[in-house]
Amino acid sequence: MAESSVKDEFSLCPRFTHTFTILGKKWNGLIIEVLLHERTQRFKDLANHVQDCSDRVLCERLRELQDEGIVSRNTQPGESRVSYSLTAEGRDLAPVMSAVHQWSDKYCDK
């Protein structure tokens, strides 16, 4: 059997690329990590956890994560309190975040 002279070219899956566009954006991973561990957070509590992120950028990132179906914005009836939590899709990122923790424990000295 003759070997093919045309190599299959590697290409990234569009879904994989989109996922890394979301997860690779600065602060998104930290927001997801806080919500994985703290479950539900008010904005000020999230801001305290993700300290170097400005309020403006935190608002933008939360909106983007909401649009992607990863974060849910919750309001209590009759109250002006807003809180944020992960959706089921967001909670499904727990093994991914755990793998990142394992990798960073093994290879990052900071």
N, C-alpha and C. Protein backbone atom coordinates (compact mmCIF):
# COMPACT_ATOMS: atom_id res chain seq x y z
N MET A 1 0.85 -1.18 0.00
CA MET A 1 0.00 0.00 0.00
C MET A 1 0.89 1.24 0.00
N ALA A 2 0.66 2.14 -0.90
CA ALA A 2 1.47 3.35 -1.02
C ALA A 2 1.05 4.35 0.05
N GLU A 3 2.06 5.00 0.64
CA GLU A 3 1.80 6.01 1.66
C GLU A 3 1.25 7.25 0.99
N SER A 4 0.29 7.87 1.63
CA SER A 4 -0.30 9.09 1.07
C SER A 4 0.74 10.20 1.03
N SER A 5 0.79 10.90 -0.08
CA SER A 5 1.75 11.98 -0.21
C SER A 5 1.23 13.28 0.41
N VAL A 6 -0.06 13.31 0.72
CA VAL A 6 -0.65 14.49 1.33
C VAL A 6 -0.88 14.20 2.81
N LYS A 7 -0.21 14.97 3.65
CA LYS A 7 -0.39 14.79 5.10
C LYS A 7 -1.68 15.48 5.53
N ASP A 8 -2.34 14.84 6.49
CA ASP A 8 -3.48 15.50 7.10
C ASP A 8 -2.96 16.65 7.93
N GLU A 9 -3.51 17.82 7.71
CA GLU A 9 -3.08 18.97 8.47
C GLU A 9 -3.83 19.03 9.78
N PHE A 10 -3.11 19.36 10.83
CA PHE A 10 -3.71 19.53 12.14
C PHE A 10 -4.47 20.85 12.18
N SER A 11 -5.64 20.82 12.75
CA SER A 11 -6.37 22.07 12.98
C SER A 11 -7.10 21.96 14.31
N LEU A 12 -7.21 23.07 14.96
CA LEU A 12 -7.90 23.11 16.23
C LEU A 12 -9.40 23.10 16.00
N CYS A 13 -10.08 22.35 16.83
CA CYS A 13 -11.54 22.29 16.79
C CYS A 13 -12.11 23.66 17.18
N PRO A 14 -13.08 24.16 16.46
CA PRO A 14 -13.66 25.47 16.80
C PRO A 14 -14.23 25.52 18.21
N ARG A 15 -14.82 24.43 18.69
CA ARG A 15 -15.36 24.42 20.06
C ARG A 15 -14.24 24.54 21.08
N PHE A 16 -13.12 23.85 20.83
CA PHE A 16 -11.96 23.91 21.71
C PHE A 16 -11.40 25.34 21.72
N THR A 17 -11.29 25.93 20.56
CA THR A 17 -10.80 27.30 20.43
C THR A 17 -11.70 28.27 21.20
N HIS A 18 -13.00 28.11 21.04
CA HIS A 18 -13.95 28.97 21.75
C HIS A 18 -13.82 28.81 23.26
N THR A 19 -13.67 27.57 23.71
CA THR A 19 -13.51 27.31 25.14
C THR A 19 -12.29 28.01 25.70
N PHE A 20 -11.17 27.94 24.98
CA PHE A 20 -9.97 28.61 25.46
C PHE A 20 -10.08 30.13 25.36
N THR A 21 -10.90 30.62 24.46
CA THR A 21 -11.16 32.05 24.41
C THR A 21 -11.85 32.49 25.71
N ILE A 22 -12.74 31.66 26.21
CA ILE A 22 -13.44 31.97 27.46
C ILE A 22 -12.50 31.78 28.66
N LEU A 23 -11.95 30.59 28.80
CA LEU A 23 -11.15 30.27 29.98
C LEU A 23 -9.82 31.00 30.01
N GLY A 24 -9.30 31.34 28.85
CA GLY A 24 -8.00 32.00 28.78
C GLY A 24 -8.05 33.50 29.00
N LYS A 25 -9.23 34.06 29.05
CA LYS A 25 -9.36 35.50 29.26
C LYS A 25 -9.01 35.81 30.72
N LYS A 26 -8.21 36.84 30.90
CA LYS A 26 -7.74 37.20 32.23
C LYS A 26 -8.91 37.36 33.20
N TRP A 27 -8.79 36.79 34.34
CA TRP A 27 -9.69 36.80 35.48
C TRP A 27 -10.79 35.74 35.42
N ASN A 28 -11.15 35.23 34.26
CA ASN A 28 -12.26 34.27 34.19
C ASN A 28 -11.99 33.01 35.00
N GLY A 29 -10.79 32.48 34.90
CA GLY A 29 -10.47 31.27 35.67
C GLY A 29 -10.55 31.51 37.16
N LEU A 30 -10.10 32.69 37.60
CA LEU A 30 -10.15 33.00 39.03
C LEU A 30 -11.59 33.18 39.50
N ILE A 31 -12.42 33.81 38.69
CA ILE A 31 -13.83 33.97 39.04
C ILE A 31 -14.49 32.61 39.17
N ILE A 32 -14.24 31.74 38.21
CA ILE A 32 -14.81 30.39 38.25
C ILE A 32 -14.32 29.64 39.47
N GLU A 33 -13.04 29.76 39.78
CA GLU A 33 -12.48 29.07 40.95
C GLU A 33 -13.13 29.54 42.25
N VAL A 34 -13.30 30.84 42.40
CA VAL A 34 -13.96 31.37 43.60
C VAL A 34 -15.37 30.81 43.71
N LEU A 35 -16.12 30.83 42.61
CA LEU A 35 -17.50 30.36 42.65
C LEU A 35 -17.60 28.85 42.83
N LEU A 36 -16.59 28.11 42.41
CA LEU A 36 -16.58 26.67 42.68
C LEU A 36 -16.47 26.41 44.17
N HIS A 37 -15.68 27.22 44.86
CA HIS A 37 -15.43 26.99 46.28
C HIS A 37 -16.39 27.73 47.19
N GLU A 38 -16.85 28.89 46.79
CA GLU A 38 -17.70 29.71 47.65
C GLU A 38 -19.18 29.63 47.26
N ARG A 39 -19.48 28.90 46.22
CA ARG A 39 -20.84 28.67 45.70
C ARG A 39 -21.52 29.93 45.21
N THR A 40 -22.00 30.78 46.12
CA THR A 40 -22.71 31.99 45.75
C THR A 40 -21.99 33.18 46.37
N GLN A 41 -21.78 34.21 45.56
CA GLN A 41 -21.05 35.38 46.04
C GLN A 41 -21.73 36.65 45.57
N ARG A 42 -21.75 37.62 46.44
CA ARG A 42 -22.15 38.96 46.03
C ARG A 42 -20.96 39.59 45.32
N PHE A 43 -21.22 40.64 44.55
CA PHE A 43 -20.18 41.27 43.76
C PHE A 43 -19.00 41.69 44.63
N LYS A 44 -19.28 42.35 45.76
CA LYS A 44 -18.20 42.85 46.61
C LYS A 44 -17.35 41.71 47.16
N ASP A 45 -17.97 40.56 47.42
CA ASP A 45 -17.21 39.41 47.92
C ASP A 45 -16.32 38.83 46.82
N LEU A 46 -16.86 38.77 45.61
CA LEU A 46 -16.05 38.33 44.47
C LEU A 46 -14.87 39.29 44.26
N ALA A 47 -15.15 40.57 44.35
CA ALA A 47 -14.10 41.58 44.17
C ALA A 47 -13.01 41.43 45.23
N ASN A 48 -13.39 41.07 46.44
CA ASN A 48 -12.39 40.84 47.51
C ASN A 48 -11.53 39.63 47.22
N HIS A 49 -12.09 38.61 46.62
CA HIS A 49 -11.32 37.40 46.27
C HIS A 49 -10.40 37.63 45.08
N VAL A 50 -10.89 38.35 44.08
CA VAL A 50 -10.12 38.60 42.86
C VAL A 50 -9.61 40.04 42.96
N GLN A 51 -8.68 40.25 43.86
CA GLN A 51 -8.30 41.58 44.32
C GLN A 51 -7.72 42.51 43.26
N ASP A 52 -6.96 42.04 42.34
CA ASP A 52 -6.31 42.94 41.38
C ASP A 52 -7.18 43.27 40.17
N CYS A 53 -8.37 42.74 40.13
CA CYS A 53 -9.29 42.99 39.02
C CYS A 53 -10.15 44.22 39.36
N SER A 54 -10.19 45.18 38.45
CA SER A 54 -11.01 46.37 38.70
C SER A 54 -12.49 45.99 38.66
N ASP A 55 -13.31 46.81 39.31
CA ASP A 55 -14.75 46.56 39.32
C ASP A 55 -15.32 46.55 37.91
N ARG A 56 -14.84 47.46 37.08
CA ARG A 56 -15.33 47.54 35.69
C ARG A 56 -15.05 46.25 34.94
N VAL A 57 -13.82 45.75 35.07
CA VAL A 57 -13.45 44.51 34.37
C VAL A 57 -14.19 43.32 34.97
N LEU A 58 -14.34 43.30 36.29
CA LEU A 58 -15.08 42.20 36.93
C LEU A 58 -16.51 42.17 36.41
N CYS A 59 -17.14 43.33 36.29
CA CYS A 59 -18.51 43.40 35.71
C CYS A 59 -18.53 42.83 34.30
N GLU A 60 -17.56 43.24 33.47
CA GLU A 60 -17.49 42.74 32.09
C GLU A 60 -17.33 41.23 32.06
N ARG A 61 -16.43 40.71 32.88
CA ARG A 61 -16.17 39.27 32.87
C ARG A 61 -17.39 38.49 33.34
N LEU A 62 -18.06 39.00 34.37
CA LEU A 62 -19.26 38.32 34.85
C LEU A 62 -20.34 38.30 33.77
N ARG A 63 -20.50 39.41 33.05
CA ARG A 63 -21.48 39.45 31.96
C ARG A 63 -21.12 38.45 30.87
N GLU A 64 -19.84 38.39 30.51
CA GLU A 64 -19.39 37.44 29.48
C GLU A 64 -19.64 36.00 29.93
N LEU A 65 -19.33 35.70 31.19
CA LEU A 65 -19.54 34.35 31.70
C LEU A 65 -21.04 34.03 31.78
N GLN A 66 -21.86 35.02 32.06
CA GLN A 66 -23.32 34.82 32.01
C GLN A 66 -23.77 34.51 30.59
N ASP A 67 -23.27 35.29 29.64
CA ASP A 67 -23.64 35.08 28.24
C ASP A 67 -23.24 33.70 27.75
N GLU A 68 -22.16 33.16 28.29
CA GLU A 68 -21.69 31.83 27.91
C GLU A 68 -22.41 30.71 28.66
N GLY A 69 -23.27 31.08 29.62
CA GLY A 69 -24.02 30.07 30.38
C GLY A 69 -23.21 29.43 31.50
N ILE A 70 -22.13 30.08 31.92
CA ILE A 70 -21.27 29.53 32.97
C ILE A 70 -21.63 30.10 34.34
N VAL A 71 -22.02 31.37 34.37
CA VAL A 71 -22.37 32.05 35.62
C VAL A 71 -23.81 32.50 35.55
N SER A 72 -24.46 32.44 36.70
CA SER A 72 -25.84 32.89 36.82
C SER A 72 -25.88 34.12 37.73
N ARG A 73 -26.62 35.12 37.32
CA ARG A 73 -26.84 36.32 38.13
C ARG A 73 -28.17 36.13 38.83
N ASN A 74 -28.16 36.20 40.15
CA ASN A 74 -29.34 35.88 40.95
C ASN A 74 -29.81 37.11 41.72
N THR A 75 -31.11 37.35 41.72
CA THR A 75 -31.69 38.40 42.55
C THR A 75 -32.78 37.78 43.41
N GLN A 76 -32.90 38.27 44.62
CA GLN A 76 -33.94 37.79 45.52
C GLN A 76 -35.19 38.66 45.33
N PRO A 77 -36.36 38.03 45.23
CA PRO A 77 -37.59 38.82 45.04
C PRO A 77 -37.75 39.84 46.18
N GLY A 78 -38.05 41.08 45.78
CA GLY A 78 -38.27 42.13 46.76
C GLY A 78 -37.00 42.73 47.33
N GLU A 79 -35.85 42.25 46.89
CA GLU A 79 -34.58 42.79 47.39
C GLU A 79 -33.75 43.29 46.22
N SER A 80 -32.85 44.19 46.52
CA SER A 80 -31.96 44.68 45.46
C SER A 80 -30.64 43.93 45.47
N ARG A 81 -30.53 42.93 46.33
CA ARG A 81 -29.29 42.15 46.42
C ARG A 81 -29.10 41.28 45.19
N VAL A 82 -27.90 41.33 44.64
CA VAL A 82 -27.54 40.51 43.50
C VAL A 82 -26.40 39.59 43.93
N SER A 83 -26.49 38.35 43.52
CA SER A 83 -25.40 37.42 43.80
C SER A 83 -25.11 36.63 42.52
N TYR A 84 -23.96 35.99 42.51
CA TYR A 84 -23.52 35.23 41.36
C TYR A 84 -23.18 33.81 41.80
N SER A 85 -23.49 32.87 40.94
CA SER A 85 -23.15 31.47 41.19
C SER A 85 -22.90 30.80 39.85
N LEU A 86 -22.33 29.62 39.91
CA LEU A 86 -22.09 28.86 38.68
C LEU A 86 -23.35 28.12 38.28
N THR A 87 -23.57 28.03 37.00
CA THR A 87 -24.63 27.19 36.47
C THR A 87 -24.13 25.74 36.50
N ALA A 88 -24.96 24.81 36.09
CA ALA A 88 -24.53 23.41 35.99
C ALA A 88 -23.34 23.29 35.03
N GLU A 89 -23.38 24.05 33.95
CA GLU A 89 -22.26 24.05 32.99
C GLU A 89 -20.99 24.57 33.66
N GLY A 90 -21.12 25.60 34.46
CA GLY A 90 -19.97 26.14 35.17
C GLY A 90 -19.41 25.16 36.18
N ARG A 91 -20.29 24.49 36.91
CA ARG A 91 -19.83 23.49 37.90
C ARG A 91 -19.15 22.30 37.23
N ASP A 92 -19.51 22.03 35.99
CA ASP A 92 -18.85 20.95 35.25
C ASP A 92 -17.38 21.26 34.95
N LEU A 93 -16.96 22.49 35.18
CA LEU A 93 -15.55 22.86 35.00
C LEU A 93 -14.68 22.44 36.20
N ALA A 94 -15.28 21.92 37.26
CA ALA A 94 -14.52 21.54 38.46
C ALA A 94 -13.35 20.61 38.15
N PRO A 95 -13.52 19.54 37.35
CA PRO A 95 -12.37 18.67 37.06
C PRO A 95 -11.28 19.39 36.26
N VAL A 96 -11.67 20.33 35.42
CA VAL A 96 -10.69 21.10 34.64
C VAL A 96 -9.87 21.95 35.59
N MET A 97 -10.53 22.63 36.51
CA MET A 97 -9.84 23.48 37.47
C MET A 97 -8.95 22.64 38.39
N SER A 98 -9.42 21.47 38.76
CA SER A 98 -8.61 20.57 39.58
C SER A 98 -7.34 20.15 38.84
N ALA A 99 -7.47 19.85 37.56
CA ALA A 99 -6.30 19.48 36.75
C ALA A 99 -5.32 20.64 36.66
N VAL A 100 -5.82 21.87 36.54
CA VAL A 100 -4.94 23.04 36.50
C VAL A 100 -4.21 23.19 37.83
N HIS A 101 -4.92 22.95 38.94
CA HIS A 101 -4.27 22.98 40.26
C HIS A 101 -3.14 21.96 40.33
N GLN A 102 -3.40 20.75 39.89
CA GLN A 102 -2.39 19.69 39.93
C GLN A 102 -1.18 20.07 39.08
N TRP A 103 -1.42 20.59 37.90
CA TRP A 103 -0.32 20.98 37.02
C TRP A 103 0.49 22.10 37.66
N SER A 104 -0.20 23.11 38.20
CA SER A 104 0.52 24.25 38.79
C SER A 104 1.29 23.84 40.04
N ASP A 105 0.75 22.92 40.82
CA ASP A 105 1.47 22.40 42.00
C ASP A 105 2.75 21.70 41.57
N LYS A 106 2.71 21.05 40.43
CA LYS A 106 3.86 20.28 39.97
C LYS A 106 4.91 21.17 39.29
N TYR A 107 4.48 22.17 38.53
CA TYR A 107 5.42 22.90 37.68
C TYR A 107 5.64 24.38 38.00
N CYS A 108 4.79 24.98 38.79
CA CYS A 108 4.94 26.42 39.07
C CYS A 108 5.56 26.63 40.44
N ASP A 109 6.58 27.45 40.49
CA ASP A 109 7.29 27.71 41.74
C ASP A 109 6.79 28.94 42.46
N LYS A 110 5.90 29.69 41.87
CA LYS A 110 5.45 30.96 42.48
C LYS A 110 4.47 30.74 43.58
